[in-house]
Protein backbone atom coordinates (compact mmCIF):
# COMPACT_ATOMS: atom_id res chain seq x y z
CA MET A 1 26.18 -12.66 -13.70
CA ASN A 2 23.63 -10.47 -15.39
CA ILE A 3 24.66 -7.64 -18.03
CA GLU A 4 24.01 -4.89 -15.72
CA HIS A 5 26.12 -6.34 -13.24
CA LYS A 6 28.93 -7.34 -16.01
CA ILE A 7 28.73 -3.62 -17.30
CA ILE A 8 29.11 -2.29 -13.77
CA ALA A 9 32.42 -4.42 -13.28
CA ALA A 10 33.73 -3.52 -16.53
CA THR A 11 33.47 0.01 -15.82
CA VAL A 12 35.16 -0.13 -12.86
CA ALA A 13 37.95 -2.35 -14.87
CA ALA A 14 38.17 0.56 -17.58
CA VAL A 15 38.61 3.34 -15.16
CA LYS A 16 41.36 1.46 -13.49
CA GLU A 17 43.16 0.56 -16.70
CA LEU A 18 42.57 3.49 -18.92
CA TYR A 19 42.88 6.38 -15.92
CA GLN A 20 44.99 4.46 -13.25
CA GLN A 21 42.44 5.29 -10.74
CA ASP A 22 39.79 3.52 -8.61
CA LEU A 23 36.06 3.92 -9.61
CA PRO A 24 33.47 2.73 -6.73
CA GLU A 25 31.12 0.42 -8.08
CA ASN A 26 28.11 2.54 -6.63
CA GLN A 27 29.39 5.63 -8.75
CA VAL A 28 28.51 3.69 -11.96
CA ASN A 29 25.17 4.74 -12.62
CA LEU A 30 23.12 2.64 -15.43
CA GLN A 31 19.87 3.79 -16.77
CA ASP A 32 17.29 2.38 -19.66
CA THR A 33 18.34 4.13 -22.72
CA ARG A 34 15.74 6.70 -23.93
CA ALA A 35 13.52 5.81 -26.57
CA GLU A 36 14.46 8.10 -29.24
CA PHE A 37 18.22 6.66 -29.00
CA GLU A 38 19.76 3.55 -29.91
CA GLY A 39 20.81 1.06 -27.18
CA GLN A 40 19.19 -0.35 -24.18
CA ILE A 41 21.40 0.49 -21.70
CA THR A 42 22.91 3.93 -20.71
CA ILE A 43 26.01 4.81 -18.65
CA VAL A 44 26.14 8.26 -16.82
CA VAL A 45 29.47 9.34 -17.94
CA PHE A 46 29.76 12.48 -15.66
CA PRO A 47 30.84 10.68 -12.32
CA VAL A 48 34.03 9.29 -14.19
CA VAL A 49 35.08 12.67 -15.66
CA ARG A 50 36.89 13.53 -12.69
CA PHE A 51 39.03 10.38 -12.80
CA SER A 52 39.55 10.81 -16.76
CA LYS A 53 40.62 14.55 -16.85
CA LYS A 54 38.68 14.57 -20.24
CA SER A 55 35.40 15.90 -21.89
CA PRO A 56 32.42 13.50 -20.90
CA GLU A 57 32.37 12.68 -24.72
CA ALA A 58 35.96 11.62 -24.77
CA THR A 59 35.36 9.97 -21.67
CA ALA A 60 32.19 7.99 -22.85
CA THR A 61 33.96 7.07 -26.16
CA ASP A 62 36.83 5.62 -24.31
CA LEU A 63 34.62 3.59 -22.12
CA GLY A 64 32.40 2.55 -25.28
CA GLU A 65 35.57 1.06 -27.12
CA TYR A 66 36.72 -0.74 -23.79
CA LEU A 67 33.34 -2.11 -22.92
CA VAL A 68 32.64 -3.48 -26.73
CA ALA A 69 35.95 -5.12 -26.69
CA ASN A 70 35.61 -6.65 -22.95
CA ILE A 71 31.76 -7.49 -23.07
CA GLU A 72 30.81 -9.98 -25.93
CA GLU A 73 27.16 -8.93 -25.51
CA ILE A 74 27.76 -5.39 -26.52
CA THR A 75 27.60 -4.72 -30.14
CA ALA A 76 27.70 -1.17 -30.48
CA PHE A 77 27.71 2.14 -28.57
CA SER A 78 27.10 5.51 -29.39
CA VAL A 79 27.78 8.70 -27.47
CA VAL A 80 25.56 11.62 -26.78
CA LYS A 81 26.81 14.23 -24.62
CA GLY A 82 27.70 12.88 -21.24
CA PHE A 83 25.60 9.74 -22.13
CA LEU A 84 27.01 6.59 -23.40
CA ASN A 85 24.40 3.97 -25.09
CA LEU A 86 24.81 0.36 -25.21
CA SER A 87 23.42 -1.66 -27.63
CA ILE A 88 23.02 -5.06 -26.37
CA ALA A 89 22.83 -8.39 -28.74
CA ASP A 90 19.55 -9.94 -29.23
CA ALA A 91 20.64 -13.26 -28.15
CA TYR A 92 21.84 -12.15 -24.69
CA TRP A 93 17.97 -10.91 -24.22
CA VAL A 94 16.46 -14.23 -25.67
CA ASN A 95 18.52 -16.21 -23.42
CA LEU A 96 17.90 -14.22 -20.53
CA PHE A 97 14.29 -14.96 -21.47
CA ASN A 98 14.70 -18.59 -21.62
CA THR A 99 16.89 -19.21 -18.76
CA ASP A 100 15.50 -16.65 -16.19
CA LEU A 101 11.83 -15.69 -16.95
CA LEU A 102 10.83 -18.84 -17.85
CA ASN A 103 11.82 -20.35 -14.58
CA PRO A 104 9.00 -20.80 -12.37
CA SER A 105 10.70 -19.33 -9.93
CA PHE A 106 11.18 -15.84 -11.59
CA GLY A 107 10.49 -13.19 -9.33
CA VAL A 108 10.18 -15.44 -5.93
CA PHE A 109 12.13 -14.65 -3.29
CA SER A 110 13.69 -16.82 -0.95
CA PRO A 111 13.31 -15.86 2.89
CA ASN A 112 15.62 -12.72 4.40
CA GLY A 113 15.23 -13.85 7.78
CA LYS A 114 13.77 -10.52 8.57
CA LYS A 115 10.09 -10.05 10.65
CA VAL A 116 8.14 -6.78 9.93
CA MET A 117 4.85 -5.92 11.43
CA VAL A 118 2.49 -3.93 9.54
CA GLU A 119 -0.19 -2.17 11.54
CA TYR A 120 -3.24 -0.99 9.64
CA SER A 121 -6.87 0.00 9.85
CA SER A 122 -7.04 0.83 13.59
CA PRO A 123 -11.20 1.73 13.10
CA ASN A 124 -13.18 3.12 15.92
CA THR A 125 -15.69 0.98 17.20
CA ASN A 126 -18.82 3.72 17.39
CA LYS A 127 -19.01 4.41 13.20
CA PRO A 128 -18.44 2.22 10.07
CA LEU A 129 -15.70 2.27 7.93
CA HIS A 130 -15.16 5.29 5.44
CA LEU A 131 -13.38 5.85 2.40
CA GLY A 132 -10.57 7.26 4.42
CA HIS A 133 -10.13 3.46 6.08
CA VAL A 134 -10.50 2.18 2.85
CA ARG A 135 -7.47 4.02 1.70
CA ASN A 136 -5.74 2.64 4.85
CA ASN A 137 -6.92 -0.81 4.52
CA LEU A 138 -5.60 -1.23 0.94
CA LEU A 139 -2.25 0.42 1.36
CA GLY A 140 -1.48 -1.52 4.81
CA TYR A 141 -2.98 -4.92 2.86
CA SER A 142 -0.77 -4.26 -0.11
CA VAL A 143 2.26 -3.08 1.54
CA ALA A 144 2.37 -6.13 4.09
CA GLU A 145 1.91 -8.39 0.73
CA LEU A 146 4.97 -6.45 -1.21
CA LEU A 147 7.13 -6.96 1.77
CA LYS A 148 5.96 -10.67 2.01
CA ALA A 149 6.70 -11.28 -1.83
CA SER A 150 10.20 -9.90 -1.35
CA GLY A 151 11.16 -12.18 1.30
CA TYR A 152 9.97 -11.04 4.83
CA ASP A 153 8.12 -12.83 7.40
CA VAL A 154 5.14 -10.41 7.81
CA VAL A 155 2.76 -9.89 10.86
CA LYS A 156 -0.57 -7.75 9.92
CA VAL A 157 -1.72 -6.25 12.82
CA ASN A 158 -5.09 -4.05 13.56
CA LEU A 159 -5.08 -2.10 16.62
CA VAL A 160 -8.96 -1.09 17.50
CA ASN A 161 -9.91 1.47 19.47
CA ASP A 162 -12.83 0.15 21.12
CA ARG A 163 -12.99 2.47 24.44
CA GLY A 164 -13.26 6.14 25.01
CA ILE A 165 -15.70 8.99 24.96
CA HIS A 166 -16.90 8.26 21.70
CA ILE A 167 -18.15 4.74 22.35
CA CYS A 168 -19.84 5.69 25.19
CA LYS A 169 -21.97 8.59 23.33
CA SER A 170 -23.11 5.79 20.93
CA MET A 171 -24.09 3.38 23.85
CA LEU A 172 -25.60 6.45 25.77
CA ALA A 173 -27.81 7.13 22.37
CA TRP A 174 -28.63 3.70 22.19
CA GLN A 175 -29.78 3.30 25.78
CA LYS A 176 -32.03 6.62 25.51
CA TRP A 177 -33.66 6.55 22.11
CA GLY A 178 -32.88 2.85 20.83
CA ASN A 179 -36.07 0.95 21.90
CA GLY A 180 -33.97 -2.39 21.97
CA GLU A 181 -33.16 -2.04 18.25
CA THR A 182 -30.27 -4.72 17.01
CA PRO A 183 -29.05 -5.33 13.97
CA GLU A 184 -31.48 -8.05 13.50
CA SER A 185 -34.57 -6.13 13.83
CA SER A 186 -33.37 -3.62 12.21
CA LEU A 187 -31.88 -5.21 9.05
CA MET A 188 -28.85 -2.89 9.21
CA LYS A 189 -24.97 -4.11 9.69
CA GLY A 190 -23.71 -3.69 13.29
CA ASP A 191 -21.36 -1.17 12.52
CA HIS A 192 -23.97 1.37 10.78
CA LEU A 193 -26.41 0.55 13.50
CA VAL A 194 -24.18 1.69 16.20
CA GLY A 195 -22.79 4.79 13.88
CA LYS A 196 -26.29 5.62 13.60
CA TYR A 197 -26.76 6.60 17.50
CA TYR A 198 -23.52 8.13 17.66
CA VAL A 199 -25.06 10.51 14.76
CA ILE A 200 -28.35 10.67 17.26
CA PHE A 201 -26.01 11.77 20.08
CA ASP A 202 -24.30 14.37 18.31
CA LYS A 203 -27.78 16.29 17.14
CA GLU A 204 -29.16 15.61 20.81
CA TYR A 205 -25.53 17.02 22.17
CA LYS A 206 -26.13 20.31 19.67
CA LYS A 207 -29.63 20.76 20.76
CA GLU A 208 -28.68 20.58 24.58
CA ILE A 209 -25.85 23.08 23.68
CA GLU A 210 -27.82 25.78 21.96
CA ALA A 211 -30.33 25.75 24.73
CA LEU A 212 -27.97 26.29 27.18
CA LYS A 213 -26.34 29.30 25.01
CA LEU A 214 -29.85 30.49 25.04
CA GLU A 215 -29.97 30.64 28.81
CA GLY A 216 -26.35 33.37 28.91
CA GLN A 217 -23.79 30.31 28.33
CA THR A 218 -20.80 30.48 26.45
CA GLU A 219 -20.00 28.10 23.47
CA GLU A 220 -17.51 26.25 25.76
CA GLU A 221 -19.51 26.39 28.89
CA ALA A 222 -22.64 24.93 27.11
CA LYS A 223 -20.11 22.19 25.37
CA LYS A 224 -19.41 21.27 29.32
CA ASN A 225 -22.27 21.46 30.86
CA ALA A 226 -24.69 19.78 28.89
CA PRO A 227 -26.65 17.02 30.53
CA LEU A 228 -25.87 14.47 27.53
CA ILE A 229 -21.83 15.06 27.83
CA LYS A 230 -22.14 14.75 31.50
CA GLU A 231 -23.82 11.51 31.24
CA ALA A 232 -21.44 10.34 28.61
CA GLN A 233 -18.39 10.97 30.50
CA LYS A 234 -20.14 9.27 33.74
CA MET A 235 -20.46 6.07 31.75
CA LEU A 236 -16.85 6.12 30.77
CA LEU A 237 -16.06 6.31 34.72
CA ASP A 238 -18.53 3.44 35.17
CA TRP A 239 -16.79 1.74 32.05
CA GLU A 240 -13.29 2.23 33.47
CA ALA A 241 -14.63 1.07 36.99
CA GLY A 242 -16.25 -2.19 35.65
CA VAL A 243 -19.66 -1.52 36.25
CA PRO A 244 -21.31 -4.89 35.09
CA GLU A 245 -24.17 -3.53 32.86
CA VAL A 246 -21.99 -0.52 31.37
CA ILE A 247 -19.43 -3.56 30.59
CA GLU A 248 -22.38 -5.84 29.13
CA LEU A 249 -23.81 -3.46 27.06
CA TRP A 250 -20.43 -1.91 25.78
CA LYS A 251 -19.54 -5.88 25.04
CA THR A 252 -22.96 -5.94 23.01
CA MET A 253 -22.41 -3.20 20.74
CA ASN A 254 -18.89 -3.53 20.03
CA GLY A 255 -20.16 -7.18 19.07
CA TRP A 256 -22.54 -5.79 16.79
CA VAL A 257 -19.40 -3.43 15.02
CA TYR A 258 -17.13 -6.43 14.80
CA ASP A 259 -19.42 -8.42 12.79
CA GLY A 260 -20.16 -5.33 10.63
CA PHE A 261 -16.55 -4.88 10.33
CA ALA A 262 -15.98 -8.36 9.08
CA VAL A 263 -18.07 -8.05 6.16
CA SER A 264 -16.55 -4.96 5.23
CA TYR A 265 -13.27 -6.57 5.74
CA LYS A 266 -14.06 -9.44 3.47
CA ASN A 267 -15.35 -7.22 0.83
CA LEU A 268 -12.39 -5.03 0.71
CA GLY A 269 -9.99 -8.46 0.47
CA VAL A 270 -7.93 -7.54 3.69
CA ASP A 271 -6.86 -9.52 6.68
CA PHE A 272 -5.18 -9.44 9.97
CA ASP A 273 -3.01 -11.85 11.85
CA LYS A 274 -3.59 -10.28 15.41
CA TYR A 275 -6.38 -7.77 16.98
CA TYR A 276 -5.03 -5.46 19.60
CA TYR A 277 -7.73 -3.72 21.38
CA GLU A 278 -7.59 -0.21 23.43
CA SER A 279 -9.52 -1.86 26.23
CA ASN A 280 -6.29 -3.98 26.56
CA THR A 281 -3.88 -1.51 26.57
CA TYR A 282 -4.89 1.98 27.19
CA LEU A 283 -3.30 1.59 30.79
CA LEU A 284 -0.20 0.42 29.33
CA GLY A 285 2.88 2.84 29.20
CA LYS A 286 3.22 4.13 32.71
CA GLY A 287 6.07 1.61 33.54
CA THR A 288 7.52 3.29 30.61
CA VAL A 289 7.13 6.76 32.08
CA ASP A 290 8.85 5.55 35.51
CA GLU A 291 11.98 3.90 33.39
CA GLY A 292 12.25 7.31 31.35
CA LEU A 293 12.13 9.30 35.04
CA GLU A 294 14.99 6.95 36.13
CA LYS A 295 17.08 7.57 32.90
CA GLY A 296 16.52 11.11 33.16
CA VAL A 297 14.74 11.12 29.76
CA PHE A 298 11.70 12.49 31.48
CA PHE A 299 11.33 15.18 34.05
CA LYS A 300 8.15 16.06 36.08
CA LYS A 301 6.84 19.61 36.38
CA PRO A 302 5.77 21.09 40.13
CA ASP A 303 2.19 19.82 39.72
CA GLY A 304 3.48 16.27 39.25
CA SER A 305 2.94 16.03 35.64
CA VAL A 306 5.77 14.17 33.54
CA TRP A 307 7.40 15.46 29.98
CA ILE A 308 9.94 15.06 27.70
CA ASP A 309 11.68 18.56 26.05
CA LEU A 310 12.46 17.86 22.77
CA THR A 311 13.35 21.70 22.13
CA ALA A 312 17.02 20.50 20.98
CA ASP A 313 15.37 17.97 18.36
CA GLY A 314 13.85 20.61 16.86
CA LEU A 315 10.13 19.93 18.46
CA ASP A 316 8.76 20.89 22.02
CA GLN A 317 8.15 19.76 25.14
CA LYS A 318 5.53 17.09 25.31
CA LEU A 319 3.44 15.90 28.06
CA VAL A 320 3.58 12.03 28.77
CA LEU A 321 1.65 11.67 31.93
CA ARG A 322 -1.07 14.29 33.53
CA ALA A 323 -0.67 15.33 37.18
CA ASP A 324 -3.43 13.45 38.43
CA GLY A 325 -1.45 10.33 36.71
CA THR A 326 -3.75 9.56 33.99
CA SER A 327 -2.19 8.87 30.73
CA VAL A 328 -2.36 10.91 27.61
CA TYR A 329 -2.35 9.02 24.03
CA ILE A 330 1.37 9.05 23.49
CA THR A 331 1.51 6.95 26.91
CA GLN A 332 -0.43 4.68 25.93
CA ASP A 333 1.51 4.38 22.29
CA LEU A 334 4.83 3.79 24.45
CA GLY A 335 3.01 1.00 26.16
CA THR A 336 1.67 -0.83 22.98
CA ALA A 337 5.03 -0.39 21.17
CA GLN A 338 7.11 -1.94 23.69
CA MET A 339 4.28 -4.76 23.97
CA LYS A 340 4.32 -5.43 20.31
CA TYR A 341 8.03 -5.70 19.98
CA ASP A 342 7.85 -8.03 23.54
CA ASP A 343 5.12 -10.54 21.63
CA PHE A 344 7.21 -10.56 18.12
CA LYS A 345 10.55 -9.36 18.38
CA MET A 346 10.12 -7.75 14.82
CA ASP A 347 13.07 -6.11 12.78
CA GLU A 348 10.65 -3.44 11.52
CA SER A 349 7.42 -2.14 12.36
CA ILE A 350 5.21 0.16 10.06
CA TYR A 351 2.42 2.04 10.75
CA VAL A 352 -0.11 2.81 8.19
CA VAL A 353 -1.63 6.39 9.66
CA GLY A 354 -3.04 9.42 7.83
CA ASN A 355 -0.54 12.53 7.38
CA GLU A 356 -2.19 14.62 10.24
CA GLN A 357 -0.62 12.43 12.72
CA ASP A 358 2.88 12.93 11.17
CA TYR A 359 4.01 15.11 14.20
CA HIS A 360 2.93 12.36 16.86
CA PHE A 361 4.86 9.77 15.16
CA LYS A 362 7.69 12.14 15.25
CA VAL A 363 7.56 12.56 18.78
CA LEU A 364 6.99 8.86 19.48
CA PHE A 365 9.66 7.42 17.66
CA LEU A 366 11.99 10.19 19.13
CA ILE A 367 11.18 9.20 22.49
CA LEU A 368 11.43 5.22 22.08
CA GLU A 369 15.14 5.89 20.86
CA LYS A 370 16.00 8.32 23.57
CA LEU A 371 14.86 5.44 26.26
CA GLY A 372 17.48 3.44 24.52
CA LYS A 373 15.08 1.12 22.96
CA SER A 374 17.06 -0.68 20.29
CA TRP A 375 14.25 -1.68 18.03
CA ALA A 376 13.14 1.92 17.54
CA THR A 377 14.92 2.74 14.59
CA GLY A 378 12.89 -0.32 12.96
CA LEU A 379 9.96 2.14 13.41
CA HIS A 380 8.41 3.85 10.12
CA HIS A 381 5.35 5.79 9.64
CA LEU A 382 3.55 5.14 6.32
CA SER A 383 1.85 8.70 6.29
CA TYR A 384 -0.66 9.20 3.48
CA GLY A 385 -3.00 11.91 2.04
CA MET A 386 -6.69 12.53 2.21
CA VAL A 387 -9.18 10.87 -0.46
CA ASP A 388 -11.53 13.42 -1.99
CA LEU A 389 -14.45 12.86 -4.08
CA PRO A 390 -15.85 15.02 -6.90
CA SER A 391 -18.89 16.76 -5.55
CA GLY A 392 -22.14 15.22 -5.86
CA LYS A 393 -20.43 12.02 -7.40
CA MET A 394 -21.39 10.32 -4.17
CA LYS A 395 -23.95 10.30 -1.41
CA SER A 396 -22.73 9.75 1.92
CA ARG A 397 -25.32 7.78 4.61
CA GLU A 398 -24.63 10.64 7.08
CA GLY A 399 -23.99 13.44 4.68
CA THR A 400 -20.68 14.08 5.91
CA VAL A 401 -18.41 10.89 5.46
CA VAL A 402 -18.20 8.37 2.62
CA ASP A 403 -19.67 5.09 3.64
CA ALA A 404 -16.89 2.39 2.72
CA ASP A 405 -19.66 -0.09 2.20
CA ASP A 406 -21.83 2.28 -0.08
CA LEU A 407 -18.68 2.87 -1.91
CA VAL A 408 -18.23 -0.89 -2.31
CA ALA A 409 -21.56 -1.07 -3.47
CA GLU A 410 -21.52 1.72 -6.10
CA MET A 411 -18.17 0.37 -7.50
CA ILE A 412 -19.73 -2.80 -8.37
CA ASP A 413 -22.85 -1.46 -9.72
CA THR A 414 -20.93 0.82 -11.92
CA ALA A 415 -18.73 -2.10 -12.97
CA LYS A 416 -21.95 -4.18 -14.22
CA ALA A 417 -23.39 -1.22 -15.93
CA LYS A 418 -20.37 -0.54 -17.87
CA THR A 419 -19.57 -4.29 -18.55
CA GLU A 420 -23.06 -4.89 -19.91
CA ALA A 421 -23.34 -1.89 -22.00
CA LEU A 422 -20.26 -3.46 -23.84
CA GLY A 423 -22.32 -6.84 -24.31
CA LYS A 424 -19.13 -9.23 -23.72
CA VAL A 425 -21.10 -11.14 -21.02
CA ASN A 426 -23.70 -12.62 -22.51
CA ASP A 427 -22.66 -16.35 -22.22
CA PHE A 428 -21.34 -15.90 -18.50
CA ASP A 429 -23.83 -17.87 -15.83
CA GLU A 430 -25.40 -15.63 -13.09
CA GLU A 431 -22.54 -16.64 -10.52
CA GLU A 432 -19.66 -15.84 -13.05
CA LYS A 433 -21.05 -12.32 -13.84
CA GLU A 434 -21.40 -11.50 -10.20
CA ARG A 435 -17.92 -12.84 -9.59
CA LEU A 436 -16.69 -10.30 -12.64
CA TYR A 437 -18.66 -7.44 -11.43
CA TYR A 438 -17.06 -7.70 -8.11
CA ASN A 439 -13.54 -7.92 -9.35
CA ILE A 440 -14.01 -5.22 -11.54
CA GLY A 441 -15.27 -2.78 -9.45
CA MET A 442 -12.88 -3.67 -6.64
CA GLY A 443 -9.96 -3.93 -9.02
CA ALA A 444 -10.95 -0.38 -10.42
CA LEU A 445 -11.24 0.96 -6.57
CA LYS A 446 -8.03 -0.93 -5.42
CA TYR A 447 -5.98 0.23 -8.57
CA PHE A 448 -7.00 3.69 -8.30
CA LEU A 449 -6.29 4.61 -4.60
CA LEU A 450 -2.79 2.43 -4.89
CA LYS A 451 -1.30 3.68 -8.13
CA VAL A 452 -0.97 7.03 -6.51
CA GLU A 453 2.54 7.63 -3.91
CA PRO A 454 0.71 7.29 -0.50
CA LYS A 455 2.03 10.75 0.56
CA LYS A 456 -0.45 12.43 -2.16
CA ARG A 457 -3.65 13.77 -1.39
CA LEU A 458 -5.64 12.24 -4.63
CA LEU A 459 -8.99 12.67 -5.91
CA PHE A 460 -11.09 9.54 -6.61
CA ASP A 461 -13.93 9.67 -9.17
CA PRO A 462 -15.73 6.03 -8.99
CA ALA A 463 -16.70 6.47 -12.92
CA GLU A 464 -13.48 7.26 -14.21
CA SER A 465 -11.48 4.25 -12.34
CA ILE A 466 -13.94 1.90 -14.15
CA ASP A 467 -12.34 2.16 -17.54
CA PHE A 468 -11.18 -0.09 -19.74
CA GLN A 469 -8.46 2.36 -21.09
CA GLY A 470 -5.79 4.09 -19.94
CA ASN A 471 -4.12 3.70 -16.38
CA THR A 472 -6.79 1.72 -14.65
CA GLY A 473 -6.96 -1.63 -12.68
CA PRO A 474 -9.65 -2.82 -15.40
CA PHE A 475 -7.44 -2.03 -18.29
CA ILE A 476 -4.75 -4.65 -16.69
CA GLN A 477 -7.70 -6.94 -15.87
CA TYR A 478 -8.81 -7.00 -19.52
CA THR A 479 -5.44 -7.69 -21.01
CA HIS A 480 -4.84 -10.14 -18.59
CA ALA A 481 -8.17 -11.80 -19.73
CA ARG A 482 -6.97 -10.97 -23.68
CA ILE A 483 -3.77 -13.12 -23.04
CA LYS A 484 -5.51 -15.93 -21.27
CA SER A 485 -8.34 -16.22 -24.26
CA LEU A 486 -5.19 -16.33 -26.77
CA LEU A 487 -3.62 -18.94 -25.31
CA LEU A 488 -6.56 -20.98 -24.37
CA LYS A 489 -7.22 -20.74 -28.35
CA ALA A 490 -3.67 -21.83 -28.79
CA GLY A 491 -4.09 -24.61 -26.77
CA TYR A 492 -1.00 -23.43 -25.01
CA ASP A 493 0.35 -25.80 -22.01
CA PHE A 494 3.44 -24.06 -20.21
CA ALA A 495 4.31 -27.14 -18.82
CA HIS A 496 5.12 -28.61 -22.05
CA ALA A 497 5.84 -25.43 -24.14
CA GLY A 498 9.53 -25.53 -23.97
CA ILE A 499 12.28 -22.74 -24.89
CA ALA A 500 12.21 -21.44 -28.19
CA ASP A 501 15.50 -20.07 -30.19
CA ALA A 502 13.90 -17.49 -32.13
CA GLU A 503 14.63 -14.33 -33.59
CA ILE A 504 12.99 -11.47 -31.79
CA THR A 505 11.85 -7.96 -33.28
CA ALA A 506 12.44 -4.65 -31.48
CA THR A 507 8.93 -4.74 -29.62
CA GLU A 508 9.58 -7.97 -28.25
CA LYS A 509 13.19 -7.36 -26.74
CA GLU A 510 11.41 -4.19 -25.06
CA MET A 511 9.01 -6.43 -23.68
CA ILE A 512 11.77 -8.96 -22.35
CA MET A 513 13.57 -6.30 -21.18
CA LEU A 514 10.33 -4.79 -19.14
CA LEU A 515 9.41 -7.96 -17.84
CA ALA A 516 12.70 -8.89 -16.37
CA LYS A 517 12.40 -5.42 -14.26
CA TYR A 518 9.78 -7.56 -12.40
CA PRO A 519 11.64 -8.78 -9.32
CA ASN A 520 13.56 -5.41 -8.85
CA GLU A 521 10.33 -3.66 -8.89
CA ILE A 522 9.06 -5.66 -6.34
CA GLN A 523 11.78 -4.78 -4.29
CA SER A 524 11.62 -1.26 -4.95
CA ALA A 525 8.12 -0.86 -3.68
CA ALA A 526 8.53 -2.84 -0.91
CA LYS A 527 11.56 -0.86 0.34
CA THR A 528 9.86 2.13 -0.27
CA HIS A 529 6.47 1.23 1.02
CA SER A 530 5.18 2.44 -2.02
CA PRO A 531 2.50 -0.19 -4.05
CA ALA A 532 2.32 2.52 -6.79
CA VAL A 533 5.75 1.30 -7.82
CA LEU A 534 4.28 -1.41 -8.42
CA ALA A 535 1.10 -0.34 -9.90
CA ASN A 536 2.55 2.00 -12.37
CA TYR A 537 4.87 -0.94 -13.55
CA LEU A 538 2.01 -3.29 -14.15
CA TYR A 539 0.32 -0.67 -16.13
CA GLU A 540 3.55 -0.35 -18.37
CA VAL A 541 3.67 -4.14 -19.05
CA ALA A 542 -0.22 -4.36 -20.08
CA LYS A 543 0.56 -1.34 -22.06
CA MET A 544 3.52 -3.16 -23.81
CA PHE A 545 1.59 -6.42 -24.30
CA ASN A 546 -0.90 -4.46 -26.03
CA LYS A 547 1.34 -2.84 -28.32
CA PHE A 548 3.27 -5.99 -29.29
CA TYR A 549 -0.62 -7.80 -29.87
CA HIS A 550 -1.56 -5.09 -32.29
CA GLU A 551 1.90 -5.18 -33.94
CA THR A 552 2.26 -9.30 -34.39
CA PRO A 553 0.52 -10.87 -37.20
CA PRO A 554 -1.86 -13.40 -35.36
CA ILE A 555 0.12 -15.49 -33.40
CA ILE A 556 -2.23 -18.82 -33.59
CA LYS A 557 -1.62 -18.79 -37.58
CA GLU A 558 2.29 -18.15 -37.36
CA GLU A 559 3.75 -20.75 -39.46
CA ASN A 560 7.38 -20.59 -38.12
CA GLU A 561 7.11 -22.99 -34.71
CA ALA A 562 9.86 -21.62 -33.26
CA VAL A 563 8.50 -18.10 -33.51
CA LYS A 564 5.10 -19.25 -32.33
CA LYS A 565 6.08 -20.89 -29.39
CA HIS A 566 8.57 -17.79 -28.51
CA ARG A 567 5.56 -15.64 -28.71
CA LEU A 568 3.01 -17.85 -26.86
CA ASN A 569 5.74 -18.10 -24.34
CA LEU A 570 6.27 -14.21 -23.79
CA SER A 571 2.44 -14.02 -23.78
CA PHE A 572 2.27 -16.45 -21.20
CA VAL A 573 4.96 -15.00 -18.84
CA THR A 574 3.23 -11.60 -19.57
CA ALA A 575 0.15 -12.81 -17.83
CA GLU A 576 2.28 -14.43 -14.77
CA VAL A 577 3.44 -11.15 -13.85
CA LEU A 578 0.21 -8.96 -14.13
CA LYS A 579 -1.63 -11.81 -12.47
CA ARG A 580 1.15 -12.21 -9.56
CA GLY A 581 1.79 -8.51 -9.25
CA MET A 582 -1.82 -7.69 -9.19
CA ARG A 583 -2.42 -9.99 -6.50
CA ILE A 584 -0.04 -8.36 -4.23
CA LEU A 585 -2.29 -5.15 -4.51
CA GLY A 586 -5.15 -7.58 -3.84
CA ILE A 587 -6.48 -7.13 -6.73
CA ALA A 588 -7.95 -10.20 -9.22
CA VAL A 589 -7.51 -10.68 -12.42
CA PRO A 590 -10.09 -12.51 -14.47
CA GLU A 591 -9.61 -15.33 -17.19
CA ARG A 592 -11.89 -13.86 -19.00
CA MET A 593 -14.35 -10.50 -19.35
């Protein structure tokens, strides 16, 4: 039993013995002792006062005396108002480090028997990935890895929006103005090439709208009557009818996009276990609508359209099938949700989608619950905020959104410039340098986007993110490299190091306490679907190691072998926690930099 569990059990026993009352374990509130006070673990006494009928200070003193008498690891206590600060013997922390933290299975969770699906990315095949997709992909990937690390069986899914009017716009523009251009002939990534024609369509469409407005049509009339939009709508009907030449063009251009996406996904370091395609799922959901009508969950209006009334739930009436029998977006989502569950029978399913879709997912999950889907309670929307860039920091290819590939390239270039300016890579060969610049650039990007709570909108400054000081990816990477360099110089070998019974300094005690939290931080981040919890914990670990490194005399020159061995062990465990934690975030930590 660890010290926290001992303290909780003993506090419950103390209340029973001292006040003849039953205190529920979940009401024993433990915290880290604040830095300005003596001790390591603090009990918040206020919940106990109603049982003791004494002042908070008197109650804390009662508990402190009981705990010192009954738990050998507690050496002293102090009372600050309603807070009981407990001092834990150094020997406890040394033993915890040697038995738990040095165990190779430290922070490794056994399978918990539950399956969870994480759906992320969900791009459109009419344009390349942009900055918003970058946050989506990094969030989805890291949440999936967090869940995997905490014992879940995880399925990573990408639902690709590969059909619809927006796809036809790119296809039509290429037909009209492409002159047979291909990714090979243009030396462009396929997704960029298709995106180029989507932009061309938009420009030509706007020209037609302006011309029709000059002829006296209103804005709305012109948008509906422009020849280009009518041709795109005709192409969509032809696609739905399976016209061979339209299907062939669609397959060809989507193929270009998938090749382009594959490169972007590789650069971002994300992957998927299963792809779903809207072209295969857009007709799903009509059976669910019939089921809902039979159960009385949905109702038909006189025009034949099908609705659900959610006003009693604080929402509104929602259309689920048009009068002409065609689906709306939520119809498809209902059917796709059922299909995914049928495919994988997962306990939970997480949709990583921007916060502009908050209402949509409230409605979707509520409908599925009302339909009696037992698995609907396991559905979660991981809602995230937009990413902004400081004005003028980056140029986008289209002048409106920041292209993901451009962003990655700029991050690597910035990492190269900053690293070379420090002059620490002169002995690296070219391949090692390129790998280092990539790892630093991508580490900076990923960490900056992941250290902020998903729900928050954030301002991303590429230059600020690549800083070797402060709460950044490169600072943590550099700390890891510093430790690896130290261990290499010391000739350290974990397999043969063994444990060391040494006296520890106050900072070393702080380090052990912080490192011991790693498993809980993994579980907390997984439970809240927030990589920010883990990211900021890793920053604290890196910061603590640097404090230790600067306060401690050179470890390699330490003459006391037990002290030297302990400090090298402590450095090794720190490096392992940083490496494993950053890997969960999708970030590589170099051995040297």
